[in-house]
Protein backbone atom coordinates (compact mmCIF):
# COMPACT_ATOMS: atom_id res chain seq x y z
CA MET A 1 174.87 -3.34 248.70
CA SER A 2 174.09 -1.27 252.32
CA ASN A 3 170.55 -1.36 253.37
CA LYS A 4 170.16 2.28 253.17
CA LYS A 5 171.08 2.85 249.64
CA ARG A 6 168.97 -0.10 248.62
CA GLU A 7 165.87 1.44 250.67
CA SER A 8 166.41 4.71 248.52
CA GLU A 9 166.21 2.43 244.92
CA SER A 10 164.11 0.63 243.18
CA LEU A 11 164.80 -2.54 241.76
CA ILE A 12 164.60 -3.60 237.95
CA ASN A 13 165.22 -7.73 237.13
CA ILE A 14 166.17 -8.34 234.04
CA SER A 15 166.76 -12.26 233.28
CA LEU A 16 169.88 -13.36 230.87
CA GLY A 17 168.94 -16.78 230.58
CA ASP A 18 171.76 -19.33 231.67
CA LYS A 19 174.35 -16.89 231.18
CA ASN A 20 176.76 -15.98 234.10
CA LEU A 21 177.50 -11.48 234.37
CA LYS A 22 178.81 -9.69 236.88
CA ILE A 23 177.84 -5.85 236.30
CA GLU A 24 178.52 -3.19 238.15
CA ASN A 25 178.35 0.42 238.31
CA ILE A 26 177.49 1.27 234.75
CA LYS A 27 175.61 4.07 234.05
CA ASP A 28 172.51 4.04 231.12
CA ASN A 29 171.29 7.17 229.75
CA ASN A 30 168.31 7.15 232.72
CA ASN A 31 171.11 7.74 235.20
CA SER A 32 170.24 4.02 236.01
CA ASN A 33 172.68 2.11 237.98
CA VAL A 34 173.37 -2.29 237.05
CA LYS A 35 174.24 -3.29 240.30
CA ASP A 36 174.54 -6.92 240.43
CA VAL A 37 173.91 -10.47 238.87
CA ASN A 38 171.52 -12.76 241.43
CA GLU A 39 171.78 -16.54 241.51
CA ASN A 40 168.93 -16.39 239.15
CA ASN A 41 171.27 -15.43 236.21
CA GLU A 42 169.43 -11.96 236.71
CA ILE A 43 170.70 -8.20 236.41
CA ILE A 44 169.75 -6.14 238.96
CA ILE A 45 169.27 -2.65 238.14
CA GLY A 46 169.14 0.56 240.64
CA VAL A 47 167.56 3.31 239.59
CA GLU A 48 168.04 6.23 242.16
CA ASN A 49 164.47 6.95 243.49
CA SER A 50 163.75 10.97 243.21
CA ASN A 51 159.85 10.55 243.67
CA LYS A 52 160.72 13.17 246.92
CA GLU A 53 162.30 15.69 245.28
CA LYS A 54 159.69 15.66 242.10
CA ASN A 55 157.09 15.49 244.54
CA SER A 56 158.37 18.60 246.61
CA LYS A 57 158.49 20.28 243.61
CA VAL A 58 155.18 19.74 242.91
CA ASN A 59 154.08 20.49 245.95
CA GLU A 60 155.58 23.96 245.82
CA ASN A 61 154.32 24.86 242.30
CA SER A 62 150.80 23.93 243.94
CA LYS A 63 151.39 26.25 246.51
CA ASN A 64 152.44 29.05 244.56
CA LEU A 65 149.57 28.73 242.03
CA ILE A 66 147.62 28.97 245.41
CA LEU A 67 149.17 31.92 247.22
CA ASN A 68 149.09 33.63 243.67
CA PHE A 69 144.99 33.17 243.50
CA LEU A 70 144.84 34.14 246.51
CA LYS A 71 146.95 37.25 246.64
CA GLN A 72 144.91 39.14 243.92
CA PHE A 73 142.05 39.21 246.72
CA VAL A 74 144.19 41.43 248.83
CA LEU A 75 145.63 43.65 245.85
CA LEU A 76 144.45 47.19 246.24
CA ARG A 77 145.19 47.70 242.53
CA VAL A 78 142.91 44.98 241.51
CA TYR A 79 139.78 46.91 242.51
CA ILE A 80 140.85 49.88 241.08
CA THR A 81 141.16 48.64 237.96
CA ALA A 82 137.79 46.99 238.12
CA ILE A 83 136.32 50.23 239.26
CA SER A 84 138.03 51.62 235.91
CA ALA A 85 136.79 49.39 233.56
CA TYR A 86 133.45 49.47 235.07
CA PHE A 87 133.28 53.36 234.86
CA ALA A 88 134.68 52.91 230.82
CA ILE A 89 131.84 50.06 229.82
CA ILE A 90 128.91 52.58 231.52
CA LEU A 91 130.54 55.61 229.76
CA VAL A 92 130.09 53.55 226.38
CA ASP A 93 126.78 52.20 227.25
CA ILE A 94 125.49 56.10 227.68
CA LEU A 95 127.38 57.23 223.95
CA ASN A 96 125.72 54.11 222.66
CA TYR A 97 122.39 55.00 224.20
CA VAL A 98 122.88 58.44 222.93
CA ILE A 99 123.70 57.74 219.65
CA GLN A 100 121.55 54.60 219.02
CA TYR A 101 118.17 55.94 220.70
CA MET A 102 118.22 59.83 220.48
CA LEU A 103 120.60 60.50 217.31
CA ILE A 104 119.47 57.40 215.02
CA LYS A 105 116.14 56.72 216.79
CA ASN A 106 116.69 53.20 216.67
CA ASN A 107 114.61 51.08 218.06
CA LYS A 108 115.31 47.24 217.31
CA ASN A 109 114.66 44.73 220.48
CA ASN A 110 117.49 43.34 222.00
CA SER A 111 116.80 39.98 222.45
CA ASN A 112 119.18 39.18 225.46
CA THR A 113 117.67 42.27 227.36
CA GLU A 114 114.36 40.82 226.58
CA ALA A 115 115.52 37.45 228.18
CA ILE A 116 116.55 38.71 231.37
CA VAL A 117 113.30 41.23 231.57
CA ASN A 118 110.95 37.74 231.22
CA GLU A 119 113.34 35.56 233.62
CA MET A 120 112.89 38.23 236.16
CA LYS A 121 109.70 38.26 236.14
CA LYS A 122 109.44 34.45 236.34
CA ASN A 123 112.48 34.03 238.85
CA ILE A 124 114.28 37.49 240.10
CA LEU A 125 116.48 35.71 243.00
CA PHE A 126 117.85 33.20 239.77
CA VAL A 127 118.70 36.14 238.12
CA ILE A 128 120.37 37.99 240.74
CA ILE A 129 122.37 34.85 241.71
CA PHE A 130 122.70 33.58 238.44
CA GLY A 131 122.89 36.37 236.09
CA ASN A 132 124.64 39.08 237.45
CA ILE A 133 127.18 36.83 239.90
CA ILE A 134 127.65 32.70 238.71
CA SER A 135 127.36 34.40 234.72
CA PRO A 136 130.40 36.94 235.15
CA ILE A 137 132.28 34.14 236.74
CA ILE A 138 131.88 32.17 234.06
CA GLU A 139 132.25 34.31 230.79
CA GLU A 140 135.16 35.84 231.95
CA LEU A 141 137.20 32.26 232.82
CA ILE A 142 136.61 30.81 229.31
CA CYS A 143 136.28 34.60 227.41
CA ARG A 144 139.78 36.09 229.62
CA ARG A 145 141.43 33.40 231.54
CA LEU A 146 140.74 30.45 228.81
CA ILE A 147 141.06 32.23 225.41
CA PHE A 148 142.27 35.73 225.82
CA TYR A 149 145.34 33.88 227.91
CA PHE A 150 146.34 31.33 225.10
CA ILE A 151 145.47 33.29 222.06
CA ASN A 152 147.98 35.65 223.71
CA LYS A 153 150.61 33.57 223.85
CA TRP A 154 150.53 34.16 219.73
CA SER A 155 149.25 37.42 219.33
CA LYS A 156 147.65 39.80 221.64
CA LEU A 157 145.43 41.70 219.04
CA LEU A 158 144.49 38.49 217.85
CA ALA A 159 143.55 37.68 221.71
CA TYR A 160 141.44 40.68 221.81
CA LEU A 161 139.46 40.36 218.95
CA ILE A 162 138.47 36.88 219.15
CA SER A 163 137.62 36.81 222.99
CA SER A 164 135.62 40.08 222.49
CA PHE A 165 134.12 38.76 219.39
CA ILE A 166 133.08 35.69 220.89
CA PHE A 167 132.06 37.33 224.14
CA ALA A 168 129.53 39.39 222.30
CA PHE A 169 128.41 36.64 219.96
CA GLY A 170 127.68 34.82 223.13
CA HIS A 171 124.92 37.35 224.02
CA PHE A 172 123.05 36.60 220.42
CA GLY A 173 122.99 33.12 221.72
CA PHE A 174 125.72 32.13 219.28
CA SER A 175 122.59 32.52 216.92
CA LEU A 176 124.08 34.26 213.40
CA ILE A 177 120.78 34.90 212.35
CA THR A 178 119.86 37.15 215.68
CA LEU A 179 123.64 38.78 214.88
CA ILE A 180 122.23 40.01 211.76
CA LYS A 181 118.73 41.22 213.00
CA GLU A 182 119.78 42.98 216.08
CA PHE A 183 123.72 44.07 214.66
CA ASN A 184 123.37 47.68 216.12
CA ASN A 185 124.03 45.68 219.44
CA PHE A 186 126.73 44.13 218.64
CA PRO A 187 129.28 46.82 218.70
CA LEU A 188 128.55 47.50 222.45
CA TYR A 189 129.09 44.04 223.68
CA PHE A 190 132.07 43.92 221.28
CA ILE A 191 133.74 46.87 223.01
CA THR A 192 132.33 45.83 226.40
CA GLY A 193 134.52 42.70 225.95
CA VAL A 194 137.20 44.28 224.68
CA ILE A 195 137.48 46.47 228.29
CA TYR A 196 136.77 43.77 229.79
CA ALA A 197 139.80 41.91 228.24
CA TYR A 198 142.12 45.06 229.07
CA ALA A 199 141.33 44.90 232.31
CA TYR A 200 142.50 41.22 232.82
CA ASP A 201 145.80 41.98 230.80
CA TYR A 202 146.90 45.07 232.09
CA GLU A 203 146.49 43.48 235.68
CA GLY A 204 147.24 39.95 235.17
CA TYR A 205 144.76 39.07 237.41
CA ILE A 206 141.28 37.38 236.30
CA LEU A 207 139.52 38.88 239.49
CA ALA A 208 139.54 42.64 237.82
CA SER A 209 137.70 41.52 235.40
CA ILE A 210 135.44 39.74 236.89
CA TYR A 211 134.58 42.42 239.87
CA ALA A 212 134.23 44.61 236.41
CA HIS A 213 131.81 42.15 235.13
CA ILE A 214 129.80 41.65 238.01
CA LEU A 215 128.98 45.31 238.87
CA ILE A 216 127.92 46.43 235.31
CA ASN A 217 125.22 43.46 235.64
CA PHE A 218 124.45 44.18 238.72
CA THR A 219 123.85 47.94 237.90
CA SER A 220 121.92 46.52 234.48
CA PHE A 221 119.83 45.10 236.70
CA PHE A 222 119.13 47.78 239.42
CA LEU A 223 118.15 49.94 235.77
CA THR A 224 115.97 47.48 234.41
CA PHE A 225 114.24 46.27 237.81
CA PHE A 226 113.70 49.66 239.71
CA VAL A 227 114.30 52.15 237.35
CA GLY A 228 112.81 50.54 233.36
CA ILE A 229 115.86 50.94 231.91
């Protein structure tokens, strides 16, 4: 066997005891070649080394994932979708306000909003950074990129329903008692979740729903802090 050939192969030794065998170039199911029998009556099997090919494929896939992730930051349509989703949620929010507080005159508390207002009084910087930036990113990655993405492989309808329900339920602290007491707020959160899911599903880029979510949270923060709504 040539030295060059040996360098491209990894060797596996199999002991045969006292039997003298001479086996050459026999291929098994794993594409391994039985090369020779050495002085100690051991069969030397040469396994073709494909590590370089595997590594190159892995590197290529990694590069594609990174490029695909970075691509969404420069796509104009991602920003258009995010802004469209933002205004759709604003419209839903206005309709909810008209129905809840002007027509039905429902003045029930919203524990989620109260918790945010109380936190703003303690640490407004925390609310700005975590509540308006970090929290939307985490929620979108979990509800849309994780839950919606995987359920959508089997059923798009279930993906919308389940991811939006979990998103809405989270705004009640995942408390069934709180949800029942404040169920009047559930439709708004649920529909908002559906719109975020649609933004992600329509575009195929999670950045669309993340941008929309961040814009909505900053708008809510502005209205609560500066206007008092």
